[in-house]
Each structure stands twice: as C-alpha cells, then as structure tokens.
Amino acid sequence: MMPPLFPLSTKQPKADGLRYALLVYENLHRGSNWDIAIAIAKREQTQRGVVGSSFFYAREDVESGREDRMIIQSRVGRYKKAAKKHLANVCDGQFP
C-alpha cells in the first residue's frame, strides 16, 4: 500500500461539508446567501434528484418561513467561511 501523496489534517474528513463549501464558493457571484442557497438547491434537484438537508428549505416547492430562511442563510455563511479556510490551507499545502 502506498502512502498518501498529501497528508490530511483530519482523520475523518466530511465529504458533504467539503462539497457544499465548494458549491457555495462556485456560486458566490449570485449575491446574497439566500440566492446562493436557491441556486444550489436547484442544481441538486436537477442533477442529483434530491436536495440535501442543508438546502432543503431553499427549494421553490417548499414553504419556508422566516426562521427557516435565516437558518439556511447562516449555513451558507458558514460554508463560505469554510471554503475560504480550505482554499487558504490548500495554498499552504494542508489538506483538506
């Protein structure tokens, strides 16, 4: 068995967290956190058939209240922060 090319900073990286951080980063041009969440929910619905729990209430066919919307926007903000952290770490040679 070959050793890994790059050492990981954690023993159990969370694939969905990394994936959502990347999706948020790719959609930063959309503007507000809510617009980013809607775009990701649409993409997940069309490409994967299911919207993950992180963006479920951003779907157009689901009634979302003010509190649901605030929770989604908060998650997008956390994913933004995580994406920036991951990119900075990759620039330093730390993975993930």
Protein backbone atom coordinates (compact mmCIF):
# COMPACT_ATOMS: atom_id res chain seq x y z
CA MET A 1 0.00 0.00 0.00
CA MET A 2 1.38 3.39 -1.00
CA PRO A 3 1.46 6.26 1.47
CA PRO A 4 -0.80 9.22 0.59
CA LEU A 5 0.70 11.94 -1.60
CA PHE A 6 -0.55 14.64 0.73
CA PRO A 7 -1.07 14.35 4.48
CA LEU A 8 -4.58 15.10 5.74
CA SER A 9 -5.15 17.42 8.66
CA THR A 10 -8.01 15.28 9.96
CA LYS A 11 -8.61 11.54 10.28
CA GLN A 12 -12.20 11.68 9.02
CA PRO A 13 -12.85 14.49 6.52
CA LYS A 14 -16.54 15.18 5.94
CA ALA A 15 -17.14 14.83 2.21
CA ASP A 16 -20.52 16.61 2.17
CA GLY A 17 -19.17 19.59 4.08
CA LEU A 18 -16.30 19.97 1.64
CA ARG A 19 -18.66 19.54 -1.31
CA TYR A 20 -21.15 22.12 -0.07
CA ALA A 21 -18.33 24.57 0.68
CA LEU A 22 -17.15 24.18 -2.91
CA LEU A 23 -20.67 24.65 -4.29
CA VAL A 24 -21.12 27.81 -2.23
CA TYR A 25 -17.76 29.14 -3.40
CA GLU A 26 -18.65 28.43 -7.04
CA ASN A 27 -21.89 30.41 -6.62
CA LEU A 28 -20.54 33.49 -4.82
CA HIS A 29 -21.30 35.57 -7.91
CA ARG A 30 -25.04 35.12 -7.26
CA GLY A 31 -25.03 37.69 -4.47
CA SER A 32 -26.92 37.10 -1.24
CA ASN A 33 -26.73 33.94 0.83
CA TRP A 34 -30.37 33.18 0.03
CA ASP A 35 -29.76 33.45 -3.73
CA ILE A 36 -26.77 31.11 -3.38
CA ALA A 37 -28.90 28.59 -1.46
CA ILE A 38 -31.65 28.70 -4.11
CA ALA A 39 -29.12 28.12 -6.90
CA ILE A 40 -27.57 25.15 -5.08
CA ALA A 41 -30.99 23.67 -4.28
CA LYS A 42 -31.99 23.89 -7.97
CA ARG A 43 -28.71 22.30 -9.06
CA GLU A 44 -29.04 19.47 -6.56
CA GLN A 45 -32.66 18.85 -7.54
CA THR A 46 -31.90 18.61 -11.26
CA GLN A 47 -28.55 16.79 -11.14
CA ARG A 48 -28.92 14.51 -8.13
CA GLY A 49 -32.69 14.29 -7.79
CA VAL A 50 -32.61 15.15 -4.10
CA VAL A 51 -31.75 18.28 -2.18
CA GLY A 52 -29.64 17.62 0.89
CA SER A 53 -30.90 18.66 4.28
CA SER A 54 -28.65 21.74 4.31
CA PHE A 55 -30.60 23.40 1.49
CA PHE A 56 -33.99 21.69 1.68
CA TYR A 57 -35.95 24.84 2.60
CA ALA A 58 -34.40 26.83 -0.27
CA ARG A 59 -36.42 24.81 -2.78
CA GLU A 60 -39.17 26.66 -4.60
CA ASP A 61 -41.77 23.95 -3.95
CA VAL A 62 -41.30 24.05 -0.16
CA GLU A 63 -42.90 26.61 2.12
CA SER A 64 -40.18 28.27 4.15
CA GLY A 65 -40.77 30.63 7.00
CA ARG A 66 -38.58 33.45 8.19
CA GLU A 67 -36.75 31.22 10.68
CA ASP A 68 -36.03 28.53 8.04
CA ARG A 69 -34.67 31.19 5.72
CA MET A 70 -32.41 32.59 8.43
CA ILE A 71 -31.05 29.10 9.20
CA ILE A 72 -30.26 28.46 5.53
CA GLN A 73 -28.54 31.83 5.17
CA SER A 74 -26.48 31.11 8.27
CA ARG A 75 -25.40 27.75 6.85
CA VAL A 76 -24.37 29.38 3.59
CA GLY A 77 -22.31 31.88 5.58
CA ARG A 78 -20.57 29.04 7.41
CA TYR A 79 -19.89 27.24 4.13
CA LYS A 80 -18.42 30.47 2.73
CA LYS A 81 -16.08 30.72 5.68
CA ALA A 82 -15.13 27.05 5.38
CA ALA A 83 -14.41 27.43 1.65
CA LYS A 84 -12.08 30.36 2.27
CA LYS A 85 -10.33 28.39 5.01
CA HIS A 86 -9.94 25.32 2.76
CA LEU A 87 -8.50 27.40 -0.06
CA ALA A 88 -6.03 29.09 2.27
CA ASN A 89 -4.98 25.71 3.66
CA VAL A 90 -4.54 24.23 0.18
CA CYS A 91 -2.30 27.17 -0.72
CA ASP A 92 -0.20 26.24 2.32
CA GLY A 93 -0.18 22.54 1.36
CA GLN A 94 -2.59 21.31 4.06
CA PHE A 95 -5.43 19.02 3.02
CA PRO A 96 -8.40 19.14 3.39
